[in-house]
Protein backbone atom coordinates (compact mmCIF):
# COMPACT_ATOMS: atom_id res chain seq x y z
CA MET A 1 0.00 0.00 0.00
CA LYS A 2 2.84 2.38 0.82
CA LEU A 3 4.50 1.69 -2.51
CA THR A 4 1.24 2.19 -4.40
CA ALA A 5 0.59 5.49 -2.61
CA ARG A 6 4.08 6.72 -3.45
CA GLU A 7 3.99 5.62 -7.09
CA SER A 8 0.48 6.86 -7.84
CA LYS A 9 0.80 10.06 -5.80
CA ARG A 10 -2.69 9.32 -4.48
CA GLU A 11 -3.62 9.27 -0.83
CA GLY A 12 -4.48 5.94 0.75
CA ARG A 13 -6.80 5.38 3.66
CA ILE A 14 -6.94 2.79 6.44
CA VAL A 15 -10.02 2.64 8.64
CA ASN A 16 -10.14 0.67 11.89
CA LEU A 17 -13.67 0.06 13.03
CA SER A 18 -13.80 0.81 16.73
CA SER A 19 -16.57 1.93 19.04
CA LYS A 20 -17.42 4.48 21.68
CA GLY A 21 -16.93 1.43 23.88
CA HIS A 22 -13.24 2.39 24.05
CA ARG A 23 -14.29 4.51 27.04
CA ILE A 24 -15.29 1.41 29.05
CA VAL A 25 -12.17 0.69 31.06
CA TYR A 26 -11.02 -1.25 34.08
CA GLY A 27 -10.91 0.92 37.22
CA GLU A 28 -7.12 0.72 37.36
CA GLY A 29 -6.80 1.45 33.65
CA ASN A 30 -6.26 -0.99 30.83
CA PRO A 31 -3.87 -3.78 31.82
CA PHE A 32 -2.20 -4.23 28.42
CA ASP A 33 0.90 -5.60 30.15
CA HIS A 34 -0.98 -8.69 31.44
CA ILE A 35 -3.72 -8.98 28.86
CA ASN A 36 -4.06 -12.78 29.22
CA ASP A 37 -4.60 -12.78 32.99
CA GLU A 38 -8.04 -14.35 33.46
CA SER A 39 -8.32 -13.55 37.18
CA GLY A 40 -9.61 -10.03 36.60
CA TYR A 41 -11.42 -10.65 33.32
CA PHE A 42 -14.76 -8.97 32.72
CA PRO A 43 -16.29 -9.22 29.22
CA ARG A 44 -17.52 -5.63 29.15
CA PHE A 45 -14.13 -4.21 30.10
CA ALA A 46 -12.36 -6.58 27.72
CA TYR A 47 -14.59 -5.25 24.93
CA GLY A 48 -13.68 -1.67 25.85
CA GLN A 49 -10.03 -2.61 25.98
CA SER A 50 -10.19 -4.16 22.50
CA LYS A 51 -11.83 -1.03 21.10
CA LEU A 52 -9.22 1.17 22.79
CA ALA A 53 -6.53 -1.00 21.19
CA ASN A 54 -8.12 -0.28 17.78
CA VAL A 55 -7.94 3.47 18.44
CA LEU A 56 -4.36 3.30 19.71
CA HIS A 57 -3.34 1.18 16.71
CA ALA A 58 -4.80 3.67 14.22
CA ASN A 59 -3.12 6.59 16.02
CA GLU A 60 0.28 4.90 16.08
CA LEU A 61 -0.01 3.71 12.48
CA SER A 62 -0.94 7.23 11.38
CA ARG A 63 2.07 8.66 13.20
CA ARG A 64 4.47 6.13 11.66
CA LEU A 65 3.13 6.64 8.14
CA LYS A 66 3.45 10.41 8.52
CA ASP A 67 7.03 10.03 9.79
CA GLU A 68 7.81 7.97 6.66
CA GLY A 69 6.31 10.66 4.44
CA VAL A 70 3.67 8.31 3.07
CA GLU A 71 0.33 9.80 1.99
CA ILE A 72 -1.83 7.28 3.83
CA THR A 73 -4.19 8.21 6.62
CA ALA A 74 -5.12 5.79 9.38
CA ASN A 75 -8.32 6.42 11.30
CA SER A 76 -10.60 4.74 13.78
CA LEU A 77 -14.31 5.38 13.97
CA HIS A 78 -17.48 4.43 15.76
CA PRO A 79 -19.78 2.75 13.21
CA LEU A 80 -22.78 4.98 13.92
CA CYS A 81 -20.77 8.10 13.09
CA ALA A 82 -21.13 7.32 9.39
CA THR A 83 -24.52 7.61 7.73
CA THR A 84 -25.14 4.31 5.98
CA VAL A 85 -28.05 2.34 4.60
CA LEU A 86 -27.83 0.19 7.74
CA LEU A 87 -28.76 3.19 9.87
CA ARG A 88 -31.86 3.81 7.78
CA ALA A 89 -33.05 0.21 8.02
CA LYS A 90 -36.20 -0.40 10.05
CA ASP A 91 -35.96 -4.18 10.23
CA GLU A 92 -36.66 -4.90 13.91
CA ASP A 93 -36.08 -8.64 13.53
CA LEU A 94 -32.66 -8.04 12.00
CA ALA A 95 -31.82 -5.51 14.72
CA LYS A 96 -32.75 -8.04 17.41
CA ARG A 97 -30.64 -10.77 15.79
CA LEU A 98 -27.66 -8.43 15.43
CA TRP A 99 -27.99 -7.42 19.08
CA GLU A 100 -28.13 -11.05 20.22
CA PHE A 101 -25.14 -11.88 18.05
CA SER A 102 -23.13 -8.98 19.50
CA LEU A 103 -23.96 -10.18 23.02
CA SER A 104 -22.70 -13.65 22.15
CA LEU A 105 -19.35 -12.11 21.22
CA THR A 106 -18.89 -10.52 24.63
CA ASN A 107 -20.57 -13.26 26.69
CA PRO A 108 -19.32 -16.59 25.33
CA LYS A 109 -20.97 -19.69 26.77
């Protein structure tokens, strides 16, 4: 991607899908240094931590690309910040199924 951006002189774009959930944190902060410690694991906080990692990744990637002089932007965004067809949908059954699916991701059985 970097080579293509340089050769074509066109800007590239990387988008990490994150969430406002990046604000949900453990009381003592995000324990990235012992991320696999199951003793203090809470699904909701783990979700927030994963979304914060997406934001931090995009920020660091953006900084590195800028330092290299590459015309590629890296961003993270909350999905509802972009107006899409999905936001205009009124399918309540689909909404319920998507909600249940998202819960299964954060509350595995």
